[in-house]
Protein backbone atom coordinates (compact mmCIF):
# COMPACT_ATOMS: atom_id res chain seq x y z
CA MET A 1 30.13 -37.43 26.48
CA GLU A 2 26.30 -37.48 25.69
CA ASN A 3 25.14 -37.49 21.54
CA VAL A 4 23.66 -34.16 21.20
CA PRO A 5 21.26 -34.79 17.96
CA VAL A 6 22.58 -31.39 15.55
CA GLU A 7 20.14 -29.79 13.69
CA THR A 8 20.88 -29.94 9.95
CA VAL A 9 20.31 -26.60 7.51
CA GLU A 10 17.56 -28.51 6.05
CA ALA A 11 15.84 -28.60 9.34
CA LYS A 12 16.37 -24.96 10.34
CA ARG A 13 15.00 -24.40 6.71
CA ASP A 14 11.68 -26.18 7.30
CA THR A 15 11.37 -25.05 11.02
CA ALA A 16 11.78 -21.61 9.32
CA ILE A 17 10.11 -22.14 6.23
CA MET A 18 7.22 -23.49 9.13
CA LYS A 19 7.43 -20.36 11.65
CA TRP A 20 6.60 -17.89 8.35
CA SER A 21 4.05 -18.98 6.32
CA THR A 22 2.12 -19.78 10.15
CA ALA A 23 2.53 -16.35 10.87
CA GLN A 24 1.55 -15.63 7.38
CA SER A 25 -1.94 -17.08 7.80
CA GLN A 26 -2.33 -15.72 11.33
CA LEU A 27 -1.82 -12.23 9.81
CA ALA A 28 -4.28 -12.40 7.18
CA TYR A 29 -6.90 -14.05 9.89
CA TRP A 30 -6.25 -11.06 12.46
CA LYS A 31 -5.90 -8.36 10.06
CA GLU A 32 -10.26 -9.42 8.50
CA VAL A 33 -11.29 -10.37 12.85
CA GLU A 34 -9.48 -6.28 12.70
CA ALA A 35 -11.55 -4.69 10.27
CA ALA A 36 -14.76 -6.54 10.94
CA ALA A 37 -13.89 -5.21 14.74
CA ARG A 38 -13.25 -1.62 13.92
CA ILE A 39 -16.47 -1.41 11.12
CA GLU A 40 -18.89 -2.32 14.64
CA VAL A 41 -17.34 -0.59 17.20
CA LEU A 42 -17.79 2.66 14.47
CA THR A 43 -21.25 1.33 13.67
CA LEU A 44 -21.74 1.14 17.80
CA CYS A 45 -20.37 4.62 18.68
CA TYR A 46 -21.29 7.24 15.64
CA GLU A 47 -24.56 6.80 14.34
CA THR A 48 -23.98 9.07 11.25
CA PRO A 49 -20.56 9.18 10.93
CA PRO A 50 -19.32 12.49 8.43
CA ASP A 51 -18.03 11.91 4.84
CA SER A 52 -14.62 12.40 5.96
CA GLY A 53 -13.26 14.75 8.98
CA THR A 54 -12.21 13.40 12.34
CA VAL A 55 -14.82 12.60 14.98
CA ASN A 56 -14.13 11.66 19.04
CA TYR A 57 -15.95 9.83 21.30
CA ASP A 58 -15.94 10.10 25.25
CA LEU A 59 -15.30 6.48 26.88
CA GLY A 60 -15.40 8.36 29.97
CA LYS A 61 -12.73 8.79 32.40
CA GLY A 62 -10.32 10.20 30.35
CA PHE A 63 -10.75 7.65 27.30
CA GLY A 64 -11.79 8.12 24.32
CA LEU A 65 -12.12 6.92 20.71
CA LYS A 66 -10.64 9.00 17.62
CA ALA A 67 -12.41 8.16 14.53
CA VAL A 68 -10.65 9.47 11.05
CA PHE A 69 -13.19 9.38 8.74
CA LYS A 70 -11.73 9.70 4.93
CA GLU A 71 -12.25 9.87 1.35
CA ASN A 72 -10.97 8.10 -1.58
CA TYR A 73 -10.50 10.38 -4.52
CA LYS A 74 -9.36 8.50 -8.24
CA LEU A 75 -9.12 10.36 -11.22
CA ASP A 76 -10.50 9.17 -14.60
CA GLU A 77 -7.14 8.90 -16.48
CA LYS A 78 -9.02 8.57 -20.09
CA LYS A 79 -11.15 11.66 -19.70
CA LEU A 80 -8.44 13.74 -17.50
CA ASP A 81 -6.93 15.91 -20.46
CA GLY A 82 -10.00 16.64 -21.86
CA ALA A 83 -11.53 18.17 -18.59
CA LEU A 84 -8.13 20.02 -17.94
CA ASP A 85 -8.25 21.08 -21.95
CA ARG A 86 -11.67 22.59 -20.71
CA ILE A 87 -10.45 24.40 -17.64
CA GLU A 88 -7.20 26.21 -19.16
CA LYS A 89 -9.31 27.30 -22.01
CA MET A 90 -11.38 29.04 -19.33
CA GLY A 91 -8.57 31.57 -19.14
CA GLU A 92 -5.20 32.24 -17.29
CA ALA A 93 -6.99 31.43 -13.83
CA GLY A 94 -7.80 28.34 -15.69
CA GLU A 95 -4.09 27.39 -16.31
CA LEU A 96 -2.96 28.41 -12.86
CA ILE A 97 -5.60 26.07 -10.95
CA VAL A 98 -4.91 23.16 -13.26
CA ASN A 99 -1.10 23.17 -12.58
CA ARG A 100 -2.14 23.64 -8.85
CA VAL A 101 -5.19 20.74 -8.52
CA ILE A 102 -3.64 18.33 -10.38
CA ARG A 103 -0.34 16.52 -8.86
CA TRP A 104 2.24 14.64 -11.30
CA LYS A 105 4.67 12.31 -9.90
CA PRO A 106 7.07 11.20 -11.94
CA GLU A 107 7.73 7.44 -11.90
CA LEU A 108 9.65 5.44 -13.87
CA SER A 109 9.43 2.55 -15.89
CA LYS A 110 12.28 -0.22 -15.54
CA THR A 111 11.82 -1.81 -18.60
CA GLU A 112 11.98 1.31 -20.90
CA TYR A 113 15.21 2.25 -18.49
CA GLU A 114 17.14 -0.22 -18.85
CA ALA A 115 16.53 -0.41 -22.40
CA MET A 116 17.78 3.23 -22.93
CA PRO A 117 21.07 3.48 -24.64
CA GLU A 118 23.67 4.23 -22.06
CA ALA A 119 24.74 7.54 -22.71
CA MET A 120 21.01 8.63 -22.38
CA ARG A 121 20.99 6.35 -19.08
CA ALA A 122 24.34 8.31 -17.58
CA ILE A 123 22.63 11.17 -17.43
CA LEU A 124 19.34 10.10 -15.81
CA ASP A 125 21.31 7.92 -13.45
CA GLU A 126 22.29 11.05 -12.10
CA VAL A 127 18.61 11.63 -10.76
CA VAL A 128 18.08 7.49 -9.84
CA THR A 129 18.50 5.85 -6.82
CA ILE A 130 17.88 2.02 -6.62
CA SER A 131 17.90 0.39 -3.32
CA PRO A 132 16.57 -2.88 -2.26
CA GLY A 133 12.62 -3.40 -1.89
CA THR A 134 10.90 -5.79 0.37
CA PRO A 135 11.15 -9.37 -0.86
CA SER A 136 7.71 -11.53 -1.05
CA LEU A 137 7.81 -14.99 -0.48
CA SER A 138 4.87 -17.73 -1.48
CA LEU A 139 4.94 -21.16 -0.56
CA MET A 140 4.26 -23.67 -3.73
CA THR A 141 2.34 -26.22 -3.07
CA PRO A 142 1.84 -29.82 -4.74
CA LYS A 143 -0.85 -29.58 -7.74
CA VAL A 144 -3.64 -32.07 -6.57
CA PRO A 145 -4.43 -34.27 -9.60
CA LYS A 146 -8.30 -34.07 -10.31
């Protein structure tokens, strides 16, 4: 019988790490390439793109491009309360508008949650769902002396 080399756990691990590391590098590169190509296509096909909205571009023979232009909105949280107070002071309509225009998203502070007294946390546990997240991974390389 012929001796067939048995792949060790360490060799499998090292192969898997190299496969992941290479894929991660390639993914970052291809994301940059795709973003640059997308900007180039948009520039060539849409002379005056809208600030937001959907615009189609006919390529002929039933083919086309659909570009969705978006605007991102961000609130200045330091000035928000003051602005909302001024709108609310404009009367009942102001209060209604403030309650509709700004959405408040509850977010759990894990540190504070874990520090809560057990009786209080038990109540909050009725509305908290904990599920595993996607793990992150980083390859640590040795530091080169200067």
